[in-house]
């Protein structure tokens, strides 16, 4: 199916189901429940899930297949965002040209950075990419202010000379991004009992692009090109001894990975037409590394799971404050309640990074293969238990009756 093997087709179908059914999956608790604050079925948040999933899928092509750890992928994310906003300012509010330009600009940027950085490997490659990303951040923050608008960030205004569209709406407002007239911010709410489900145009566009990006990544994984990248990761020196030059392959996957990051940046700008230098900071590069390792580097679905996990923590777990904690432990005596809230307080709200860091350490130590390895271990344990039960049943059936 789709030119994929049976196992890859299963994973691909799972990704499609997760993407299309996200409004239901991410809203497990009724709106009037005290647990409703853990629902994540909001259009903006769902969009970030799939957009950063695309970012992580592209990064995994580089890191998971070749072992080259880049700390500068945020530069391509930011470049894609700036390119998309400029397309909105100069050409049209249609998201398709903006997304295409963001991929092209990020790809060209990746060619330049990759050509220099890939002359080294290991930690030296990582440091070079980090240096390029920080240079890009500082250029966007100060030197290239006429292009990036510096600290304020680049955004659309009423004075933009838009060629294929009006600079203002009929009521004098700023026009919104759209897909051939269908506004990205438009969504429909469906109420089913105590549950409310939001179906957003912007989310489903991002989800469709993420599904396509995932499919392309699977084809790359299973192609001869992907096998060559695995050979580079396994033993690049031995590859050189066979007479094969690895640099064209590493540069090609670096550019593809950069284009994925640019696509993610373009989608971020398409959903919210604003681009700032903070998207190029080293923290954004570190975040995609965490997403990939947490989900499972070198796996297909791992980066998507890691991106969703971290974005959930960032947007939902970080909202837990002392008031919420007191409501949870209100059944305890006052002294014990205050003591427990004091203990838990550093790990929630603004301290959610601490909880994420501890979980990341546990995953690296006990699940080197990330969340995917954890799922595989659970599946093996269930199959083992089922086979043992079947074996016991078969043994009992063959025993002679007394």
Protein backbone atom coordinates (compact mmCIF):
# COMPACT_ATOMS: atom_id res chain seq x y z
CA UNK A 1 0.00 0.00 0.00
CA UNK A 2 1.40 3.42 -1.04
CA UNK A 3 4.59 1.57 -2.03
CA UNK A 4 5.31 0.75 1.63
CA UNK A 5 5.89 -2.55 3.39
CA UNK A 6 3.31 -4.06 5.70
CA UNK A 7 4.91 -2.72 8.88
CA UNK A 8 5.46 0.77 7.44
CA UNK A 9 1.90 0.86 6.13
CA UNK A 10 0.61 0.06 9.61
CA UNK A 11 2.64 2.88 11.14
CA UNK A 12 1.54 5.27 8.37
CA UNK A 13 -2.14 4.42 8.93
CA UNK A 14 -1.69 4.96 12.68
CA UNK A 15 -0.23 8.42 12.01
CA UNK A 16 -3.15 9.27 9.69
CA UNK A 17 -5.69 8.18 12.31
CA UNK A 18 -3.92 10.13 15.07
CA UNK A 19 -3.76 13.26 12.91
CA UNK A 20 -7.35 13.17 11.67
CA UNK A 21 -8.90 12.18 15.00
CA UNK A 22 -6.80 14.53 17.14
CA UNK A 23 -9.78 16.75 18.14
CA UNK A 24 -11.37 13.68 19.74
CA UNK A 25 -8.20 12.09 21.13
CA UNK A 26 -6.98 15.31 22.75
CA UNK A 27 -10.33 16.03 24.44
CA UNK A 28 -10.83 12.98 26.68
CA UNK A 29 -12.45 14.86 29.59
CA UNK A 30 -15.86 16.58 29.54
CA UNK A 31 -15.85 20.36 29.66
CA UNK A 32 -17.50 20.54 33.08
CA UNK A 33 -14.96 18.15 34.64
CA UNK A 34 -12.15 19.29 36.94
CA UNK A 35 -9.81 17.42 34.59
CA UNK A 36 -10.87 19.46 31.56
CA UNK A 37 -7.76 21.62 32.00
CA UNK A 38 -5.76 18.63 30.71
CA UNK A 39 -7.61 18.65 27.39
CA UNK A 40 -5.43 19.77 24.50
CA UNK A 41 -7.94 19.91 21.67
CA UNK A 42 -7.53 23.63 21.01
CA UNK A 43 -6.87 24.63 17.37
CA UNK A 44 -3.69 26.60 18.13
CA UNK A 45 -2.22 23.84 20.28
CA UNK A 46 -3.08 21.06 17.84
CA UNK A 47 -1.42 23.07 15.08
CA UNK A 48 1.77 23.29 17.14
CA UNK A 49 1.68 19.53 17.73
CA UNK A 50 1.79 18.71 14.02
CA UNK A 51 4.06 21.60 12.99
CA UNK A 52 6.73 20.64 15.47
CA UNK A 53 6.14 17.03 14.48
CA UNK A 54 7.23 18.03 10.96
CA UNK A 55 10.25 19.81 12.44
CA UNK A 56 11.22 16.68 14.40
CA UNK A 57 10.64 14.33 11.44
CA UNK A 58 13.08 16.39 9.35
CA UNK A 59 15.65 16.52 12.13
CA UNK A 60 15.37 12.75 12.55
CA UNK A 61 16.34 12.25 8.91
CA UNK A 62 19.69 13.84 9.68
CA UNK A 63 20.34 12.68 13.24
CA UNK A 64 18.52 9.35 13.18
CA UNK A 65 19.96 8.12 9.88
CA UNK A 66 23.48 9.61 9.81
CA UNK A 67 24.20 10.28 13.49
CA UNK A 68 25.10 13.92 12.74
CA UNK A 69 23.80 15.95 15.68
CA UNK A 70 22.90 19.48 14.63
CA UNK A 71 22.38 22.21 17.21
CA UNK A 72 21.50 24.78 14.55
CA UNK A 73 18.24 23.64 13.00
CA UNK A 74 16.38 26.56 14.52
CA UNK A 75 18.13 28.77 11.95
CA UNK A 76 16.13 27.06 9.19
CA UNK A 77 12.93 27.27 11.22
CA UNK A 78 13.41 31.02 11.58
CA UNK A 79 14.44 31.50 7.96
CA UNK A 80 11.29 29.74 6.82
CA UNK A 81 9.13 31.95 9.04
CA UNK A 82 10.71 35.17 7.77
CA UNK A 83 10.36 34.05 4.14
CA UNK A 84 6.68 33.21 4.64
CA UNK A 85 5.87 36.56 6.27
CA UNK A 86 7.64 38.44 3.48
CA UNK A 87 5.56 36.52 0.95
CA UNK A 88 2.42 37.59 2.81
CA UNK A 89 3.61 41.21 2.80
CA UNK A 90 4.61 41.36 -0.88
CA UNK A 91 2.52 38.86 -2.84
CA UNK A 92 -0.61 37.37 -1.32
CA UNK A 93 -2.17 36.11 1.91
CA UNK A 94 -2.53 32.67 0.33
CA UNK A 95 -0.45 30.22 2.38
CA UNK A 96 0.68 28.01 -0.54
CA UNK A 97 3.24 30.45 -2.07
CA UNK A 98 4.48 31.31 1.44
CA UNK A 99 5.03 27.65 2.35
CA UNK A 100 6.84 26.93 -0.92
CA UNK A 101 9.11 29.97 -0.52
CA UNK A 102 9.89 29.03 3.09
CA UNK A 103 11.11 25.60 1.96
CA UNK A 104 13.21 27.06 -0.86
CA UNK A 105 14.84 29.71 1.34
CA UNK A 106 15.56 27.22 4.12
CA UNK A 107 16.98 24.76 1.59
CA UNK A 108 19.35 27.34 0.12
CA UNK A 109 20.37 28.41 3.62
CA UNK A 110 21.02 24.76 4.49
CA UNK A 111 23.26 24.35 1.44
CA UNK A 112 25.52 27.16 2.67
CA UNK A 113 25.65 26.03 6.30
CA UNK A 114 25.92 22.34 5.41
CA UNK A 115 28.73 22.87 2.91
CA UNK A 116 30.88 24.41 5.65
CA UNK A 117 29.75 22.39 8.68
CA UNK A 118 29.93 18.96 7.05
CA UNK A 119 33.66 19.34 6.56
CA UNK A 120 33.78 18.15 10.17
CA UNK A 121 31.94 15.44 12.04
CA UNK A 122 31.09 14.57 15.63
CA UNK A 123 31.20 17.31 18.23
CA UNK A 124 32.94 19.69 15.83
CA UNK A 125 29.99 19.49 13.42
CA UNK A 126 27.58 20.17 16.30
CA UNK A 127 29.55 23.21 17.45
CA UNK A 128 29.71 24.60 13.91
CA UNK A 129 25.94 24.32 13.44
CA UNK A 130 25.37 25.92 16.84
CA UNK A 131 27.68 28.79 15.87
CA UNK A 132 25.81 29.35 12.59
CA UNK A 133 22.47 29.34 14.41
CA UNK A 134 23.65 31.91 16.95
CA UNK A 135 25.09 34.05 14.18
CA UNK A 136 21.73 33.89 12.41
CA UNK A 137 19.93 34.83 15.62
CA UNK A 138 22.14 37.85 16.22
CA UNK A 139 21.89 38.96 12.59
CA UNK A 140 18.10 38.77 12.78
CA UNK A 141 18.06 40.53 16.15
CA UNK A 142 20.24 43.50 15.24
CA UNK A 143 22.21 43.67 11.98
CA UNK A 144 19.40 42.72 9.56
CA UNK A 145 16.75 44.86 11.25
CA UNK A 146 15.47 46.32 7.90
CA UNK A 147 14.62 42.77 6.83
CA UNK A 148 13.66 41.15 10.14
CA UNK A 149 12.36 44.14 12.14
CA UNK A 150 14.74 43.19 14.94
CA UNK A 151 13.45 42.43 18.41
CA UNK A 152 9.85 43.37 17.56
CA UNK A 153 9.62 40.75 14.86
CA UNK A 154 8.33 40.85 11.29
CA UNK A 155 4.57 41.09 10.88
CA UNK A 156 2.02 42.16 8.30
CA UNK A 157 0.69 45.73 8.35
CA UNK A 158 -1.84 47.90 6.54
CA UNK A 159 0.97 49.50 4.53
CA UNK A 160 2.18 46.30 2.87
CA UNK A 161 2.38 46.56 -0.97
CA UNK A 162 0.57 43.27 -1.57
CA UNK A 163 0.54 42.51 -5.33
CA UNK A 164 -2.19 39.85 -5.54
CA UNK A 165 -4.38 41.01 -2.71
CA UNK A 166 -5.61 44.05 -0.87
CA UNK A 167 -3.64 45.63 1.94
CA UNK A 168 -6.75 45.87 4.12
CA UNK A 169 -10.10 44.19 4.49
CA UNK A 170 -13.43 45.86 3.66
CA UNK A 171 -13.76 47.10 7.24
CA UNK A 172 -10.21 48.48 7.28
CA UNK A 173 -8.61 45.59 9.19
CA UNK A 174 -5.51 43.55 8.43
CA UNK A 175 -6.26 40.60 6.11
CA UNK A 176 -5.81 37.07 7.42
CA UNK A 177 -3.97 34.12 5.95
CA UNK A 178 -6.07 31.79 3.83
CA UNK A 179 -6.07 28.82 1.50
CA UNK A 180 -7.75 30.09 -1.68
CA UNK A 181 -10.19 32.12 0.39
CA UNK A 182 -10.61 29.65 3.26
CA UNK A 183 -9.30 31.41 6.37
CA UNK A 184 -6.75 29.55 8.47
CA UNK A 185 -8.25 30.77 11.74
CA UNK A 186 -11.73 29.51 10.89
CA UNK A 187 -12.95 26.60 13.00
CA UNK A 188 -16.18 24.81 13.77
CA UNK A 189 -17.19 23.65 17.24
CA UNK A 190 -19.28 20.51 17.60
CA UNK A 191 -20.91 19.86 20.99
CA UNK A 192 -21.59 16.24 21.92
CA UNK A 193 -22.98 16.02 25.42
CA UNK A 194 -20.52 17.63 27.82
CA UNK A 195 -17.73 17.53 25.24
CA UNK A 196 -16.81 20.27 22.75
CA UNK A 197 -14.68 19.39 19.73
CA UNK A 198 -12.99 22.03 17.58
CA UNK A 199 -12.34 21.36 13.89
CA UNK A 200 -9.95 23.96 12.48
CA UNK A 201 -9.09 24.69 8.86
CA UNK A 202 -5.54 25.62 9.85
CA UNK A 203 -5.05 22.42 11.86
CA UNK A 204 -6.23 20.11 9.10
CA UNK A 205 -4.02 21.85 6.55
CA UNK A 206 -1.03 21.34 8.88
CA UNK A 207 -2.11 17.74 9.55
CA UNK A 208 -2.36 16.97 5.83
CA UNK A 209 1.11 18.40 5.22
CA UNK A 210 2.49 16.47 8.20
CA UNK A 211 1.04 13.22 6.82
CA UNK A 212 2.68 13.93 3.45
CA UNK A 213 5.98 14.84 5.15
CA UNK A 214 5.85 11.62 7.16
CA UNK A 215 5.22 9.58 4.01
CA UNK A 216 8.21 11.17 2.26
CA UNK A 217 10.37 10.45 5.33
CA UNK A 218 9.31 6.77 5.29
CA UNK A 219 10.22 6.48 1.61
CA UNK A 220 13.62 8.04 2.33
CA UNK A 221 14.17 5.62 5.23
CA UNK A 222 13.51 2.60 3.00
CA UNK A 223 15.30 3.84 -0.13
CA UNK A 224 18.86 3.03 -1.26
CA UNK A 225 19.68 6.62 -0.29
CA UNK A 226 18.50 5.84 3.24
CA UNK A 227 20.63 2.69 3.33
CA UNK A 228 23.65 4.76 2.35
CA UNK A 229 22.93 7.18 5.20
CA UNK A 230 22.76 4.25 7.63
CA UNK A 231 26.11 3.07 6.33
CA UNK A 232 27.54 6.52 7.06
CA UNK A 233 26.23 6.28 10.62
CA UNK A 234 27.55 2.76 11.06
CA UNK A 235 31.12 3.35 9.86
CA UNK A 236 31.90 6.32 7.66
CA UNK A 237 35.62 5.54 7.53
CA UNK A 238 34.98 2.07 6.13
CA UNK A 239 32.71 3.65 3.52
CA UNK A 240 35.60 5.85 2.39
CA UNK A 241 37.81 2.75 2.09
CA UNK A 242 35.36 1.30 -0.44
CA UNK A 243 35.85 4.37 -2.63
CA UNK A 244 32.52 6.03 -1.86
CA UNK A 245 32.42 9.72 -0.98
CA UNK A 246 29.93 10.29 1.85
CA UNK A 247 29.84 14.10 1.66
CA UNK A 248 27.27 14.40 -1.17
CA UNK A 249 24.92 12.13 0.75
CA UNK A 250 25.33 13.96 4.06
CA UNK A 251 24.90 17.34 2.36
CA UNK A 252 21.77 16.11 0.56
CA UNK A 253 20.12 14.87 3.77
CA UNK A 254 21.20 18.03 5.59
CA UNK A 255 19.45 20.15 2.96
CA UNK A 256 16.33 17.93 3.06
CA UNK A 257 16.28 18.19 6.84
CA UNK A 258 16.67 21.97 6.59
CA UNK A 259 13.75 22.14 4.15
CA UNK A 260 11.59 20.24 6.64
CA UNK A 261 12.53 22.84 9.26
CA UNK A 262 11.73 25.64 6.80
CA UNK A 263 8.37 24.01 6.08
CA UNK A 264 7.62 23.99 9.81
CA UNK A 265 8.63 27.65 10.04
CA UNK A 266 6.43 28.54 7.09
CA UNK A 267 3.46 26.79 8.68
CA UNK A 268 4.04 28.61 11.97
CA UNK A 269 3.92 31.91 10.07
CA UNK A 270 0.88 30.77 8.08
CA UNK A 271 -1.07 30.10 11.25
CA UNK A 272 0.16 33.29 12.96
CA UNK A 273 1.84 35.72 10.51
CA UNK A 274 4.64 36.83 12.81
CA UNK A 275 8.34 35.94 12.69
CA UNK A 276 10.81 36.86 15.42
CA UNK A 277 14.48 36.13 16.09
CA UNK A 278 13.59 33.94 19.09
CA UNK A 279 12.77 31.13 16.65
CA UNK A 280 16.47 30.99 15.79
CA UNK A 281 17.73 30.72 19.38
CA UNK A 282 19.74 27.71 20.45
CA UNK A 283 16.92 26.70 22.82
CA UNK A 284 14.68 26.00 19.80
CA UNK A 285 17.42 23.79 18.33
CA UNK A 286 17.80 22.00 21.65
CA UNK A 287 14.06 21.45 21.83
CA UNK A 288 13.93 19.50 18.57
CA UNK A 289 16.85 17.37 19.78
CA UNK A 290 14.85 16.55 22.93
CA UNK A 291 11.76 15.75 20.85
CA UNK A 292 13.66 13.31 18.65
CA UNK A 293 15.56 11.53 21.43
CA UNK A 294 12.53 11.40 23.73
CA UNK A 295 10.35 9.87 21.02
CA UNK A 296 13.05 7.59 19.63
CA UNK A 297 15.86 8.69 17.30
CA UNK A 298 16.07 6.66 14.12
CA UNK A 299 12.45 5.47 14.38
CA UNK A 300 9.61 6.58 12.13
CA UNK A 301 6.88 7.62 14.53
CA UNK A 302 9.15 8.51 17.48
CA UNK A 303 9.81 12.18 16.60
CA UNK A 304 6.08 12.82 16.17
CA UNK A 305 5.36 11.34 19.60
CA UNK A 306 8.23 13.28 21.17
CA UNK A 307 7.04 16.57 19.66
CA UNK A 308 3.51 16.02 20.92
CA UNK A 309 4.74 15.02 24.37
CA UNK A 310 6.95 18.09 24.86
CA UNK A 311 4.41 20.54 23.43
CA UNK A 312 1.76 19.08 25.71
CA UNK A 313 4.00 19.64 28.72
CA UNK A 314 4.83 23.16 27.58
CA UNK A 315 1.24 24.27 27.04
CA UNK A 316 -0.84 22.19 29.46
CA UNK A 317 1.34 20.99 32.33
CA UNK A 318 2.84 24.46 32.68
CA UNK A 319 -0.62 25.88 33.53
CA UNK A 320 -0.86 23.96 36.80
CA UNK A 321 -0.46 26.56 39.56
CA UNK A 322 -0.80 26.58 43.33
CA UNK A 323 -4.56 27.14 43.10
CA UNK A 324 -4.98 23.97 41.03
CA UNK A 325 -2.74 22.01 43.40
CA UNK A 326 -4.74 23.17 46.43
CA UNK A 327 -7.97 22.08 44.73
CA UNK A 328 -6.46 18.62 44.11
CA UNK A 329 -5.31 18.09 47.70
CA UNK A 330 -8.17 19.93 49.43
CA UNK A 331 -9.36 16.65 51.03
CA UNK A 332 -6.18 16.51 53.16
CA UNK A 333 -5.69 18.31 56.49
CA UNK A 334 -4.53 21.90 55.96
CA UNK A 335 -1.00 21.33 57.21
CA UNK A 336 -0.44 18.23 55.06
CA UNK A 337 -2.10 19.92 52.08
CA UNK A 338 0.26 22.91 52.25
CA UNK A 339 3.26 20.61 52.70
CA UNK A 340 2.43 18.54 49.60
CA UNK A 341 1.71 21.65 47.53
CA UNK A 342 5.09 23.06 48.59
CA UNK A 343 6.79 19.82 47.48
CA UNK A 344 5.03 19.66 44.11
CA UNK A 345 5.20 23.39 43.32
CA UNK A 346 8.78 23.40 41.86
CA UNK A 347 7.80 20.74 39.31
CA UNK A 348 4.72 22.39 37.78
CA UNK A 349 3.77 25.78 36.38
CA UNK A 350 6.92 27.70 35.54
CA UNK A 351 8.98 24.75 36.78
CA UNK A 352 7.65 22.33 34.16
CA UNK A 353 11.12 22.24 32.59
CA UNK A 354 12.40 20.52 35.74
CA UNK A 355 9.83 17.74 35.40
CA UNK A 356 10.59 17.40 31.69
CA UNK A 357 14.32 17.22 32.45
CA UNK A 358 13.82 14.47 35.02
CA UNK A 359 11.63 12.50 32.63
CA UNK A 360 14.18 12.95 29.85
CA UNK A 361 16.92 11.59 32.14
CA UNK A 362 14.79 8.56 33.02
CA UNK A 363 14.04 7.88 29.34
CA UNK A 364 17.71 8.13 28.34
CA UNK A 365 18.78 5.84 31.19
CA UNK A 366 16.06 3.21 31.07
CA UNK A 367 14.66 3.59 27.54
CA UNK A 368 17.52 4.57 25.20
CA UNK A 369 15.17 3.99 22.27
CA UNK A 370 12.71 6.57 23.61
CA UNK A 371 8.94 6.26 23.90
CA UNK A 372 8.87 3.90 20.92
CA UNK A 373 11.11 1.43 22.77
CA UNK A 374 8.81 1.68 25.79
CA UNK A 375 5.83 0.81 23.57
CA UNK A 376 7.74 -2.09 22.03
CA UNK A 377 8.63 -3.48 25.47
CA UNK A 378 5.00 -3.32 26.57
CA UNK A 379 3.87 -5.05 23.35
CA UNK A 380 6.48 -7.82 23.81
CA UNK A 381 5.43 -8.32 27.44
CA UNK A 382 1.78 -8.63 26.39
CA UNK A 383 2.62 -11.09 23.62
CA UNK A 384 4.79 -13.11 26.01
CA UNK A 385 2.01 -13.27 28.57
CA UNK A 386 -0.50 -14.31 25.91
CA UNK A 387 1.79 -17.03 24.55
CA UNK A 388 2.41 -18.37 28.08
CA UNK A 389 -1.35 -18.53 28.70
CA UNK A 390 -1.89 -20.34 25.40
CA UNK A 391 0.95 -22.76 26.21
CA UNK A 392 -0.54 -23.54 29.61
CA UNK A 393 -3.96 -24.08 28.04
CA UNK A 394 -2.53 -26.42 25.39
CA UNK A 395 -0.62 -28.38 28.02
CA UNK A 396 -3.74 -28.80 30.12
CA UNK A 397 -5.73 -29.99 27.10
CA UNK A 398 -3.18 -32.74 26.35
CA UNK A 399 -3.05 -34.09 29.91
CA UNK A 400 -5.05 -37.34 30.36
CA UNK A 401 -8.13 -37.09 32.52
CA UNK A 402 -7.99 -38.90 35.84
